[in-house]
Each structure stands twice: as structure tokens, then as C-alpha cells.
PDB file of N, CA and C in Angstrom:
ATOM      1  N   MET A   1     139.033  50.445 163.215  1.00  0.00           N
ATOM      2  CA  MET A   1     140.164  50.865 164.145  1.00  0.00           C
ATOM      3  C   MET A   1     140.663  51.122 166.041  1.00  0.00           C
ATOM      4  N   ALA A   2     139.338  52.078 165.899  1.00  0.00           N
ATOM      5  CA  ALA A   2     139.495  52.425 167.440  1.00  0.00           C
ATOM      6  C   ALA A   2     139.769  51.499 168.189  1.00  0.00           C
ATOM      7  N   ARG A   3     139.645  49.894 168.244  1.00  0.00           N
ATOM      8  CA  ARG A   3     139.700  49.048 168.859  1.00  0.00           C
ATOM      9  C   ARG A   3     141.583  48.690 168.974  1.00  0.00           C
ATOM     10  N   ILE A   4     142.369  49.133 167.818  1.00  0.00           N
ATOM     11  CA  ILE A   4     143.318  48.834 167.083  1.00  0.00           C
ATOM     12  C   ILE A   4     144.366  50.420 167.823  1.00  0.00           C
ATOM     13  N   GLU A   5     143.898  51.314 167.490  1.00  0.00           N
ATOM     14  CA  GLU A   5     144.334  52.860 167.786  1.00  0.00           C
ATOM     15  C   GLU A   5     144.896  52.846 169.028  1.00  0.00           C
ATOM     16  N   GLY A   6     145.905  53.351 169.510  1.00  0.00           N
ATOM     17  CA  GLY A   6     147.140  53.561 170.910  1.00  0.00           C
ATOM     18  C   GLY A   6     147.489  51.693 170.812  1.00  0.00           C
ATOM     19  N   LEU A   7     147.458  50.661 170.748  1.00  0.00           N
ATOM     20  CA  LEU A   7     148.012  49.498 170.998  1.00  0.00           C
ATOM     21  C   LEU A   7     149.149  49.318 169.474  1.00  0.00           C
ATOM     22  N   TYR A   8     148.405  50.098 168.735  1.00  0.00           N
ATOM     23  CA  TYR A   8     149.236  50.033 167.177  1.00  0.00           C
ATOM     24  C   TYR A   8     149.983  51.420 167.190  1.00  0.00           C
ATOM     25  N   ASP A   9     151.078  51.330 166.079  1.00  0.00           N
ATOM     26  CA  ASP A   9     151.567  52.395 165.762  1.00  0.00           C
ATOM     27  C   ASP A   9     151.360  52.558 164.375  1.00  0.00           C
ATOM     28  N   ILE A  10     150.948  51.458 163.417  1.00  0.00           N
ATOM     29  CA  ILE A  10     150.867  51.355 161.820  1.00  0.00           C
ATOM     30  C   ILE A  10     149.759  50.861 161.909  1.00  0.00           C
ATOM     31  N   PHE A  11     148.874  50.105 160.269  1.00  0.00           N
ATOM     32  CA  PHE A  11     148.426  49.280 160.027  1.00  0.00           C
ATOM     33  C   PHE A  11     148.491  49.165 158.622  1.00  0.00           C
ATOM     34  N   ILE A  12     148.410  48.155 158.357  1.00  0.00           N
ATOM     35  CA  ILE A  12     148.842  47.854 156.785  1.00  0.00           C
ATOM     36  C   ILE A  12     147.479  47.339 156.376  1.00  0.00           C
ATOM     37  N   THR A  13     147.364  48.027 155.101  1.00  0.00           N
ATOM     38  CA  THR A  13     146.227  47.163 154.593  1.00  0.00           C
ATOM     39  C   THR A  13     146.561  47.214 153.157  1.00  0.00           C
ATOM     40  N   SER A  14     145.700  45.895 152.320  1.00  0.00           N
ATOM     41  CA  SER A  14     145.548  45.485 150.767  1.00  0.00           C
ATOM     42  C   SER A  14     144.031  46.643 150.976  1.00  0.00           C
ATOM     43  N   ASP A  15     143.223  47.003 151.842  1.00  0.00           N
ATOM     44  CA  ASP A  15     141.900  47.549 151.333  1.00  0.00           C
ATOM     45  C   ASP A  15     141.757  49.024 151.046  1.00  0.00           C
ATOM     46  N   LYS A  16     141.666  49.057 149.376  1.00  0.00           N
ATOM     47  CA  LYS A  16     141.706  50.078 148.985  1.00  0.00           C
ATOM     48  C   LYS A  16     140.024  50.978 149.618  1.00  0.00           C
ATOM     49  N   ASN A  17     139.600  50.700 149.969  1.00  0.00           N
ATOM     50  CA  ASN A  17     137.972  51.359 150.462  1.00  0.00           C
ATOM     51  C   ASN A  17     138.418  51.610 151.262  1.00  0.00           C
ATOM     52  N   ILE A  18     139.458  51.324 151.987  1.00  0.00           N
ATOM     53  CA  ILE A  18     138.990  51.834 153.614  1.00  0.00           C
ATOM     54  C   ILE A  18     139.299  52.909 154.070  1.00  0.00           C
ATOM     55  N   LYS A  19     139.480  54.414 153.217  1.00  0.00           N
ATOM     56  CA  LYS A  19     139.540  55.345 153.318  1.00  0.00           C
ATOM     57  C   LYS A  19     138.094  56.014 153.001  1.00  0.00           C
ATOM     58  N   TYR A  20     137.690  55.099 152.544  1.00  0.00           N
ATOM     59  CA  TYR A  20     136.155  54.975 152.489  1.00  0.00           C
ATOM     60  C   TYR A  20     135.072  54.710 153.552  1.00  0.00           C
ATOM     61  N   GLN A  21     135.326  53.555 154.151  1.00  0.00           N
ATOM     62  CA  GLN A  21     134.884  53.033 154.454  1.00  0.00           C
ATOM     63  C   GLN A  21     134.989  53.119 156.531  1.00  0.00           C
ATOM     64  N   GLN A  22     135.607  53.962 156.559  1.00  0.00           N
ATOM     65  CA  GLN A  22     136.732  54.976 158.484  1.00  0.00           C
ATOM     66  C   GLN A  22     136.178  55.665 158.406  1.00  0.00           C
ATOM     67  N   ASN A  23     135.994  56.053 159.128  1.00  0.00           N
ATOM     68  CA  ASN A  23     135.992  57.167 159.275  1.00  0.00           C
ATOM     69  C   ASN A  23     137.571  57.811 159.803  1.00  0.00           C
ATOM     70  N   LEU A  24     138.591  58.285 159.519  1.00  0.00           N
ATOM     71  CA  LEU A  24     140.035  58.287 159.650  1.00  0.00           C
ATOM     72  C   LEU A  24     140.295  59.736 160.693  1.00  0.00           C
ATOM     73  N   THR A  25     139.552  60.988 160.209  1.00  0.00           N
ATOM     74  CA  THR A  25     140.178  62.771 160.740  1.00  0.00           C
ATOM     75  C   THR A  25     139.990  62.326 162.523  1.00  0.00           C
ATOM     76  N   GLY A  26     141.018  62.580 162.875  1.00  0.00           N
ATOM     77  CA  GLY A  26     141.583  62.915 163.931  1.00  0.00           C
ATOM     78  C   GLY A  26     141.955  61.230 164.533  1.00  0.00           C
ATOM     79  N   ARG A  27     142.451  60.561 163.741  1.00  0.00           N
ATOM     80  CA  ARG A  27     143.315  59.249 163.934  1.00  0.00           C
ATOM     81  C   ARG A  27     144.384  59.511 164.146  1.00  0.00           C
ATOM     82  N   THR A  28     145.035  58.413 165.163  1.00  0.00           N
ATOM     83  CA  THR A  28     146.451  58.628 165.137  1.00  0.00           C
ATOM     84  C   THR A  28     147.662  57.441 164.877  1.00  0.00           C
ATOM     85  N   ILE A  29     147.226  56.987 164.263  1.00  0.00           N
ATOM     86  CA  ILE A  29     147.380  56.230 164.243  1.00  0.00           C
ATOM     87  C   ILE A  29     147.997  55.614 162.285  1.00  0.00           C
ATOM     88  N   ALA A  30     149.194  55.693 162.033  1.00  0.00           N
ATOM     89  CA  ALA A  30     149.634  55.672 160.823  1.00  0.00           C
ATOM     90  C   ALA A  30     148.458  54.211 159.313  1.00  0.00           C
ATOM     91  N   ILE A  31     148.422  54.536 158.642  1.00  0.00           N
ATOM     92  CA  ILE A  31     147.879  53.701 157.336  1.00  0.00           C
ATOM     93  C   ILE A  31     148.892  53.758 156.570  1.00  0.00           C
ATOM     94  N   LEU A  32     149.570  52.864 155.726  1.00  0.00           N
ATOM     95  CA  LEU A  32     150.141  52.268 154.675  1.00  0.00           C
ATOM     96  C   LEU A  32     148.539  51.097 153.738  1.00  0.00           C
ATOM     97  N   GLU A  33     148.586  51.709 152.888  1.00  0.00           N
ATOM     98  CA  GLU A  33     147.957  50.909 152.023  1.00  0.00           C
ATOM     99  C   GLU A  33     148.700  50.452 150.682  1.00  0.00           C
ATOM    100  N   LEU A  34     148.867  48.946 150.653  1.00  0.00           N
ATOM    101  CA  LEU A  34     149.659  48.386 149.857  1.00  0.00           C
ATOM    102  C   LEU A  34     149.097  47.815 148.646  1.00  0.00           C
ATOM    103  N   PRO A  35     149.707  48.121 147.536  1.00  0.00           N
ATOM    104  CA  PRO A  35     148.879  48.042 146.116  1.00  0.00           C
ATOM    105  C   PRO A  35     148.023  46.379 145.914  1.00  0.00           C
ATOM    106  N   THR A  36     148.226  45.424 147.107  1.00  0.00           N
ATOM    107  CA  THR A  36     147.692  43.791 146.699  1.00  0.00           C
ATOM    108  C   THR A  36     147.751  42.839 147.651  1.00  0.00           C
ATOM    109  N   ASN A  37     147.771  42.010 147.746  1.00  0.00           N
ATOM    110  CA  ASN A  37     148.047  41.491 148.997  1.00  0.00           C
ATOM    111  C   ASN A  37     148.712  40.490 148.113  1.00  0.00           C
ATOM    112  N   ARG A  38     149.077  39.898 147.260  1.00  0.00           N
ATOM    113  CA  ARG A  38     149.519  39.231 146.205  1.00  0.00           C
ATOM    114  C   ARG A  38     151.239  38.969 146.135  1.00  0.00           C
ATOM    115  N   LEU A  39     151.965  37.902 147.026  1.00  0.00           N
ATOM    116  CA  LEU A  39     152.824  38.381 147.642  1.00  0.00           C
ATOM    117  C   LEU A  39     154.182  37.976 146.607  1.00  0.00           C
ATOM    118  N   LYS A  40     154.024  37.426 145.829  1.00  0.00           N
ATOM    119  CA  LYS A  40     154.728  37.393 144.141  1.00  0.00           C
ATOM    120  C   LYS A  40     155.276  39.080 144.424  1.00  0.00           C
ATOM    121  N   VAL A  41     153.878  39.768 143.894  1.00  0.00           N
ATOM    122  CA  VAL A  41     153.732  41.162 144.007  1.00  0.00           C
ATOM    123  C   VAL A  41     154.509  42.124 144.838  1.00  0.00           C
ATOM    124  N   LEU A  42     154.100  41.978 145.965  1.00  0.00           N
ATOM    125  CA  LEU A  42     154.960  42.441 147.133  1.00  0.00           C
ATOM    126  C   LEU A  42     156.401  42.424 147.325  1.00  0.00           C
ATOM    127  N   GLU A  43     157.162  41.305 146.689  1.00  0.00           N
ATOM    128  CA  GLU A  43     158.708  41.136 147.169  1.00  0.00           C
ATOM    129  C   GLU A  43     159.186  41.911 146.274  1.00  0.00           C
ATOM    130  N   THR A  44     158.406  42.390 145.501  1.00  0.00           N
ATOM    131  CA  THR A  44     158.848  43.307 144.247  1.00  0.00           C
ATOM    132  C   THR A  44     159.110  44.610 145.359  1.00  0.00           C
ATOM    133  N   LEU A  45     158.049  45.458 145.925  1.00  0.00           N
ATOM    134  CA  LEU A  45     157.938  46.784 146.084  1.00  0.00           C
ATOM    135  C   LEU A  45     158.779  46.752 148.370  1.00  0.00           C
ATOM    136  N   ILE A  46     158.837  45.910 147.998  1.00  0.00           N
ATOM    137  CA  ILE A  46     159.925  45.216 149.984  1.00  0.00           C
ATOM    138  C   ILE A  46     160.490  46.503 149.882  1.00  0.00           C
ATOM    139  N   ASN A  47     161.257  47.155 149.145  1.00  0.00           N
ATOM    140  CA  ASN A  47     161.710  48.121 149.712  1.00  0.00           C
ATOM    141  C   ASN A  47     161.171  49.364 149.873  1.00  0.00           C
ATOM    142  N   LYS A  48     159.979  49.611 148.866  1.00  0.00           N
ATOM    143  CA  LYS A  48     159.186  50.578 149.245  1.00  0.00           C
ATOM    144  C   LYS A  48     158.148  50.496 150.462  1.00  0.00           C
ATOM    145  N   ILE A  49     158.061  49.476 150.642  1.00  0.00           N
ATOM    146  CA  ILE A  49     157.190  48.909 151.938  1.00  0.00           C
ATOM    147  C   ILE A  49     158.051  49.756 153.622  1.00  0.00           C
ATOM    148  N   LEU A  50     159.146  48.829 152.757  1.00  0.00           N
ATOM    149  CA  LEU A  50     160.455  48.696 154.170  1.00  0.00           C
ATOM    150  C   LEU A  50     160.752  50.179 154.329  1.00  0.00           C
ATOM    151  N   VAL A  51     160.545  51.348 153.796  1.00  0.00           N
ATOM    152  CA  VAL A  51     160.947  52.655 154.205  1.00  0.00           C
ATOM    153  C   VAL A  51     159.776  53.757 154.543  1.00  0.00           C
ATOM    154  N   GLU A  52     158.095  53.487 153.974  1.00  0.00           N
ATOM    155  CA  GLU A  52     157.130  53.540 154.290  1.00  0.00           C
ATOM    156  C   GLU A  52     157.126  53.421 155.743  1.00  0.00           C
ATOM    157  N   VAL A  53     157.451  51.887 155.863  1.00  0.00           N
ATOM    158  CA  VAL A  53     156.857  51.800 157.445  1.00  0.00           C
ATOM    159  C   VAL A  53     157.880  51.690 158.733  1.00  0.00           C
ATOM    160  N   GLU A  54     159.624  52.612 158.396  1.00  0.00           N
ATOM    161  CA  GLU A  54     160.139  53.252 158.685  1.00  0.00           C
ATOM    162  C   GLU A  54     159.972  54.290 159.330  1.00  0.00           C
ATOM    163  N   SER A  55     159.434  55.531 157.910  1.00  0.00           N
ATOM    164  CA  SER A  55     159.566  56.299 157.868  1.00  0.00           C
ATOM    165  C   SER A  55     158.047  57.002 158.202  1.00  0.00           C
ATOM    166  N   ILE A  56     157.332  56.434 157.459  1.00  0.00           N
ATOM    167  CA  ILE A  56     155.345  56.934 158.249  1.00  0.00           C
ATOM    168  C   ILE A  56     155.753  58.158 159.754  1.00  0.00           C
ATOM    169  N   SER A  57     154.397  58.735 159.790  1.00  0.00           N
ATOM    170  CA  SER A  57     153.944  59.508 160.738  1.00  0.00           C
ATOM    171  C   SER A  57     152.909  58.940 161.050  1.00  0.00           C
ATOM    172  N   PRO A  58     152.491  59.225 162.555  1.00  0.00           N
ATOM    173  CA  PRO A  58     151.143  59.253 163.186  1.00  0.00           C
ATOM    174  C   PRO A  58     149.757  59.570 162.265  1.00  0.00           C
ATOM    175  N   GLY A  59     149.563  58.955 162.530  1.00  0.00           N
ATOM    176  CA  GLY A  59     147.361  59.858 162.218  1.00  0.00           C
ATOM    177  C   GLY A  59     148.171  60.314 160.214  1.00  0.00           C
ATOM    178  N   VAL A  60     149.395  59.664 159.339  1.00  0.00           N
ATOM    179  CA  VAL A  60     149.303  60.051 157.987  1.00  0.00           C
ATOM    180  C   VAL A  60     148.939  59.138 157.396  1.00  0.00           C
ATOM    181  N   TYR A  61     148.281  58.612 156.539  1.00  0.00           N
ATOM    182  CA  TYR A  61     147.625  57.858 155.349  1.00  0.00           C
ATOM    183  C   TYR A  61     147.984  57.552 153.728  1.00  0.00           C
ATOM    184  N   VAL A  62     148.932  56.496 154.048  1.00  0.00           N
ATOM    185  CA  VAL A  62     150.196  56.515 152.490  1.00  0.00           C
ATOM    186  C   VAL A  62     149.500  55.064 151.803  1.00  0.00           C
ATOM    187  N   GLN A  63     149.531  56.130 150.644  1.00  0.00           N
ATOM    188  CA  GLN A  63     149.536  54.700 149.502  1.00  0.00           C
ATOM    189  C   GLN A  63     151.100  54.421 149.083  1.00  0.00           C
ATOM    190  N   ILE A  64     151.042  52.841 148.701  1.00  0.00           N
ATOM    191  CA  ILE A  64     152.326  52.192 147.580  1.00  0.00           C
ATOM    192  C   ILE A  64     151.240  52.144 146.165  1.00  0.00           C
ATOM    193  N   PHE A  65     152.080  52.310 145.401  1.00  0.00           N
ATOM    194  CA  PHE A  65     151.824  51.852 144.176  1.00  0.00           C
ATOM    195  C   PHE A  65     152.134  50.735 143.749  1.00  0.00           C
ATOM    196  N   GLU A  66     152.632  50.494 142.368  1.00  0.00           N
ATOM    197  CA  GLU A  66     153.038  49.018 141.961  1.00  0.00           C
ATOM    198  C   GLU A  66     153.879  50.435 140.615  1.00  0.00           C
TER     199      GLU A  66
END
């Protein structure tokens, strides 16, 4: 996380454990957690994903659910 912070505004992942594996306190990068990495499922969620990408604030952790 330290390597990408400052280079990117948002980190998008399907890793459900990232919030437990990384110290997110004080981070300025926004994190968007997807429910899966399966394209068929993500295609059905594209509108939710786009809304979150457009509205997410720095340092916020958001989960999208199916």
C-alpha cells in the first residue's frame, strides 16, 4: 500500500482480507473491495462499481456486495 499511495487515487481489489493484512490507518488512498474477481458477476455490478469509483473519497474503504 505504501508503494502505490501517492501514485494512485483508488485501489480496487477482490481480496477480502486486505483490511486485516494491511494497516490502513492514516492511508490517503481509497480502497474499493469487489465481491469477487469473476467477470460474469462483475459485469452485473458495473453500475454500482462505477458509482463508487466516481464518488469515493480519499482514505475510505468501501465494500460492494452482490
